[in-house]
Amino acid sequence: MTHKVRALQNEINGLLFNPTIGADQKKLLTIVIALEKEKKFDFLKAETEWLGEGSWKKYRHERDAVIEVEFRDKADRKSKRLLPALEQFNALAVGEEKLYARVTPVTASTMQ
């Protein structure tokens, strides 16, 4: 693993799991990745994962992993940095043609 990949993993974990003063927005990061590549995301400190199936372009009924992480944000500061960091990580370590990741607001949750 290269130094740059390790640095991106640390940045992604930091954005998701390091507390931010005044972080009042609950967000959900969702990553959908081909099942054979999901181990590339084992560096995440905490996540929920399940199996899915999807189609995109020439890929039909591909087995996917759906990875979700709930985190806190402040004025979308983390969200704006998170997606570009994930795209860089994909380019350097995962190799998906197009990584599908999104951040959505969480309006209610049992998580504090």
Foldseek 3Di string as FASTA:
>chain_A
DDPLLVVLLVLLLCLFPPDDPPQDFKKKKKWKAQPVQVVLNVSHPDWDKDWDFDDDDPRHRGIIIIIMGIGTGDPCPSVVVNVVSVVVSCVPPRVDPDIDMDMDTDPDDPPD
